[in-house]
Amino acid sequence: VDGQNIQDVKQASLRAAIGIVPQDTVLFNDTIYYNIAYARPHATQNQLEEAARLAHIHDFIIHLPKGYQTIVGERGLKLSGGERQRVAIARAVLKDPHILIFDEATSALDSRTEQEILSALKNVSQNRTTITIAHRLSTVIDAHEIIVLENGRIAECGNHSELLQKNGAYGAMWDRQQRAAEAMQKLLETEEESLALP
């Protein structure tokens, strides 16, 4: 990592350099504040709130009756999947690590919220290594390098444009996801039109 053999560094030092946002976020049965601050217990209130803003959860939190002192319940069950993921993103941002790993970190979010968070994560990811594991290709189109895995092996490598030109596995997945998104958009437009009828 950064030119160093990980066998020569302490495990705590290596872990301190990595921030992970997993697909299934586990939260403690404590306050939202505690769950975000867990990454950096001595962070200031302002630093914690800035991390929550970058994760697009601050506004949601301050409108709760107890705000940051709201108890999230066992494993965060009082929050939706998207809210739990945004708390996990805020936790990773607060840690301020050199390496960020997002494992399907936006999978529980709607498309609009996902785009807002991806935009914020671009800013957060500046000057640090970011690894994103995703099935939804819209989350990786700006990556410097995309590695496509099939059956546990590397099938293709390149950026978004290069992989589309190859017309291989990535291109086929992209086409399927684009068609599905277009079909969903048409369905929503049809529903809106039918609701507008007298």
Protein backbone atom coordinates (compact mmCIF):
# COMPACT_ATOMS: atom_id res chain seq x y z
CA VAL A 1 0.00 0.00 0.00
CA ASP A 2 1.56 3.29 -1.14
CA GLY A 3 4.77 1.43 -1.95
CA GLN A 4 4.90 -0.36 1.40
CA ASN A 5 4.76 -4.11 1.92
CA ILE A 6 1.80 -4.71 4.24
CA GLN A 7 3.82 -7.43 6.00
CA ASP A 8 6.04 -4.63 7.31
CA VAL A 9 3.27 -2.49 8.82
CA LYS A 10 1.12 -3.00 11.89
CA GLN A 11 -2.43 -4.20 11.34
CA ALA A 12 -3.84 -1.20 13.24
CA SER A 13 -1.89 1.17 10.98
CA LEU A 14 -3.21 -0.55 7.85
CA ARG A 15 -6.78 -0.55 9.14
CA ALA A 16 -6.51 3.15 10.00
CA ALA A 17 -5.71 3.87 6.33
CA ILE A 18 -8.86 2.13 5.03
CA GLY A 19 -12.50 3.21 5.23
CA ILE A 20 -15.18 0.72 4.17
CA VAL A 21 -18.84 1.24 3.37
CA PRO A 22 -20.36 -2.25 3.13
CA GLN A 23 -23.57 -3.21 1.36
CA ASP A 24 -25.14 -4.40 4.62
CA THR A 25 -24.30 -1.76 7.19
CA VAL A 26 -24.32 -2.83 10.82
CA LEU A 27 -25.17 -0.04 13.24
CA PHE A 28 -24.99 -0.08 17.03
CA ASN A 29 -28.14 0.23 19.14
CA ASP A 30 -27.13 3.76 20.09
CA THR A 31 -27.53 7.32 18.78
CA ILE A 32 -26.96 8.41 15.20
CA TYR A 33 -24.19 10.64 16.57
CA TYR A 34 -22.43 7.66 18.18
CA ASN A 35 -22.76 5.55 15.03
CA ILE A 36 -21.11 8.20 12.85
CA ALA A 37 -18.51 9.19 15.48
CA TYR A 38 -17.46 5.53 15.91
CA ALA A 39 -15.01 6.04 13.03
CA ARG A 40 -13.28 8.95 14.81
CA PRO A 41 -14.47 9.32 18.43
CA HIS A 42 -12.56 12.57 19.06
CA ALA A 43 -13.99 14.38 16.02
CA THR A 44 -15.74 17.68 16.69
CA GLN A 45 -19.48 18.17 16.26
CA ASN A 46 -18.76 20.36 13.20
CA GLN A 47 -16.58 17.68 11.59
CA LEU A 48 -19.24 15.05 12.21
CA GLU A 49 -22.02 17.23 10.79
CA GLU A 50 -19.92 18.03 7.70
CA ALA A 51 -19.46 14.29 7.11
CA ALA A 52 -23.24 13.84 7.44
CA ARG A 53 -23.81 16.67 4.93
CA LEU A 54 -21.47 15.00 2.42
CA ALA A 55 -23.42 11.77 2.87
CA HIS A 56 -26.72 13.67 2.34
CA ILE A 57 -28.15 12.62 5.70
CA HIS A 58 -27.69 15.77 7.83
CA ASP A 59 -31.01 17.35 6.79
CA PHE A 60 -32.86 14.11 7.56
CA ILE A 61 -31.21 13.89 11.00
CA ILE A 62 -31.92 17.46 12.11
CA HIS A 63 -35.62 17.02 11.33
CA LEU A 64 -35.89 14.04 13.71
CA PRO A 65 -37.38 14.94 17.13
CA LYS A 66 -34.10 14.09 18.89
CA GLY A 67 -31.82 14.92 15.97
CA TYR A 68 -28.36 13.37 16.29
CA GLN A 69 -29.38 11.89 19.66
CA THR A 70 -31.99 9.63 18.01
CA ILE A 71 -31.50 5.95 18.91
CA VAL A 72 -31.31 3.84 15.74
CA GLY A 73 -32.40 0.53 17.30
CA GLU A 74 -30.80 -2.89 17.11
CA ARG A 75 -28.68 -3.07 13.91
CA GLY A 76 -30.20 0.28 12.89
CA LEU A 77 -33.68 -1.17 12.34
CA LYS A 78 -35.38 2.19 12.99
CA LEU A 79 -33.76 3.55 9.82
CA SER A 80 -34.45 2.59 6.21
CA GLY A 81 -31.79 0.74 4.22
CA GLY A 82 -30.83 3.95 2.43
CA GLU A 83 -30.58 5.88 5.69
CA ARG A 84 -28.36 3.18 7.20
CA GLN A 85 -26.09 3.31 4.15
CA ARG A 86 -25.84 7.09 4.37
CA VAL A 87 -24.87 6.83 8.05
CA ALA A 88 -22.16 4.34 7.01
CA ILE A 89 -20.96 6.73 4.28
CA ALA A 90 -20.83 9.59 6.82
CA ARG A 91 -18.82 7.32 9.15
CA ALA A 92 -16.30 6.54 6.39
CA VAL A 93 -16.04 10.21 5.38
CA LEU A 94 -15.45 11.23 9.00
CA LYS A 95 -12.63 8.69 9.30
CA ASP A 96 -10.86 10.52 6.44
CA PRO A 97 -8.88 7.45 5.27
CA HIS A 98 -6.32 7.25 2.45
CA ILE A 99 -8.23 4.33 0.87
CA LEU A 100 -12.02 4.15 0.51
CA ILE A 101 -13.82 0.92 -0.34
CA PHE A 102 -17.48 1.10 -1.35
CA ASP A 103 -19.06 -2.36 -1.53
CA GLU A 104 -22.43 -1.79 -3.22
CA ALA A 105 -22.61 1.31 -1.00
CA THR A 106 -25.51 2.91 -2.88
CA SER A 107 -27.53 -0.25 -3.59
CA ALA A 108 -30.34 0.67 -1.15
CA LEU A 109 -30.74 4.20 -2.50
CA ASP A 110 -33.15 5.51 -5.11
CA SER A 111 -31.58 6.81 -8.33
CA ARG A 112 -31.85 10.51 -7.43
CA THR A 113 -30.29 10.10 -3.98
CA GLU A 114 -27.65 7.81 -5.46
CA GLN A 115 -26.62 10.50 -7.96
CA GLU A 116 -26.45 13.13 -5.19
CA ILE A 117 -24.23 10.89 -3.06
CA LEU A 118 -22.04 9.85 -6.00
CA SER A 119 -21.46 13.52 -6.72
CA ALA A 120 -20.46 14.11 -3.08
CA LEU A 121 -18.27 10.99 -3.06
CA LYS A 122 -16.35 12.30 -6.07
CA ASN A 123 -15.33 15.28 -3.95
CA VAL A 124 -14.52 13.07 -0.95
CA SER A 125 -12.48 10.71 -3.14
CA GLN A 126 -10.11 13.42 -4.37
CA ASN A 127 -6.44 12.56 -3.68
CA ARG A 128 -7.22 9.11 -2.30
CA THR A 129 -7.59 5.63 -3.71
CA THR A 130 -11.23 4.61 -4.08
CA ILE A 131 -12.36 1.08 -4.86
CA THR A 132 -16.02 0.66 -5.78
CA ILE A 133 -17.64 -2.76 -6.02
CA ALA A 134 -20.92 -2.45 -7.92
CA HIS A 135 -23.45 -4.20 -10.13
CA ARG A 136 -25.20 -0.94 -11.02
CA LEU A 137 -22.81 0.38 -13.65
CA SER A 138 -23.93 4.00 -13.27
CA THR A 139 -21.92 4.04 -10.03
CA VAL A 140 -18.60 3.33 -11.80
CA ILE A 141 -18.76 5.18 -15.14
CA ASP A 142 -16.29 7.85 -13.94
CA ALA A 143 -13.72 5.34 -12.62
CA HIS A 144 -10.18 5.52 -14.05
CA GLU A 145 -10.21 1.75 -14.43
CA ILE A 146 -13.09 -0.71 -14.37
CA ILE A 147 -12.38 -4.40 -13.87
CA VAL A 148 -15.15 -6.74 -15.01
CA LEU A 149 -15.20 -10.09 -13.21
CA GLU A 150 -16.85 -13.23 -14.55
CA ASN A 151 -16.78 -16.50 -12.63
CA GLY A 152 -14.07 -15.13 -10.33
CA ARG A 153 -11.74 -14.14 -13.17
CA ILE A 154 -10.96 -10.82 -14.85
CA ALA A 155 -12.92 -10.68 -18.11
CA GLU A 156 -12.22 -7.08 -19.17
CA CYS A 157 -10.38 -3.96 -18.02
CA GLY A 158 -10.56 -0.34 -19.10
CA ASN A 159 -12.50 2.84 -18.53
CA HIS A 160 -16.20 3.20 -19.39
CA SER A 161 -15.65 4.35 -23.01
CA GLU A 162 -13.01 1.70 -23.74
CA LEU A 163 -15.20 -1.08 -22.38
CA LEU A 164 -18.22 0.05 -24.41
CA GLN A 165 -16.05 0.01 -27.56
CA LYS A 166 -14.97 -3.57 -26.83
CA ASN A 167 -18.65 -4.57 -27.01
CA GLY A 168 -18.07 -7.40 -24.53
CA ALA A 169 -19.51 -8.34 -21.14
CA TYR A 170 -19.48 -4.75 -19.82
CA GLY A 171 -21.18 -3.41 -22.97
CA ALA A 172 -23.88 -6.08 -22.73
CA MET A 173 -24.54 -5.25 -19.06
CA TRP A 174 -24.63 -1.53 -19.86
CA ASP A 175 -27.19 -2.08 -22.64
CA ARG A 176 -29.41 -4.22 -20.37
CA GLN A 177 -29.33 -1.65 -17.57
CA GLN A 178 -30.04 1.24 -19.96
CA ARG A 179 -33.02 -0.61 -21.48
CA ALA A 180 -34.36 -1.42 -17.99
CA ALA A 181 -34.00 2.24 -16.94
CA GLU A 182 -35.80 3.43 -20.10
CA ALA A 183 -38.61 0.90 -19.57
CA MET A 184 -39.02 2.07 -15.97
CA GLN A 185 -39.11 5.71 -17.10
CA LYS A 186 -41.83 4.93 -19.67
CA LEU A 187 -43.83 3.05 -17.04
CA LEU A 188 -43.63 6.00 -14.65
CA GLU A 189 -44.68 8.42 -17.40
CA THR A 190 -47.66 6.18 -18.30
CA GLU A 191 -48.73 6.01 -14.65
CA GLU A 192 -48.50 9.80 -14.33
CA GLU A 193 -50.61 10.25 -17.45
CA SER A 194 -53.28 7.82 -16.21
CA LEU A 195 -53.43 9.60 -12.83
CA ALA A 196 -53.92 12.92 -14.62
CA LEU A 197 -57.01 11.66 -16.49
CA PRO A 198 -60.38 12.95 -15.12
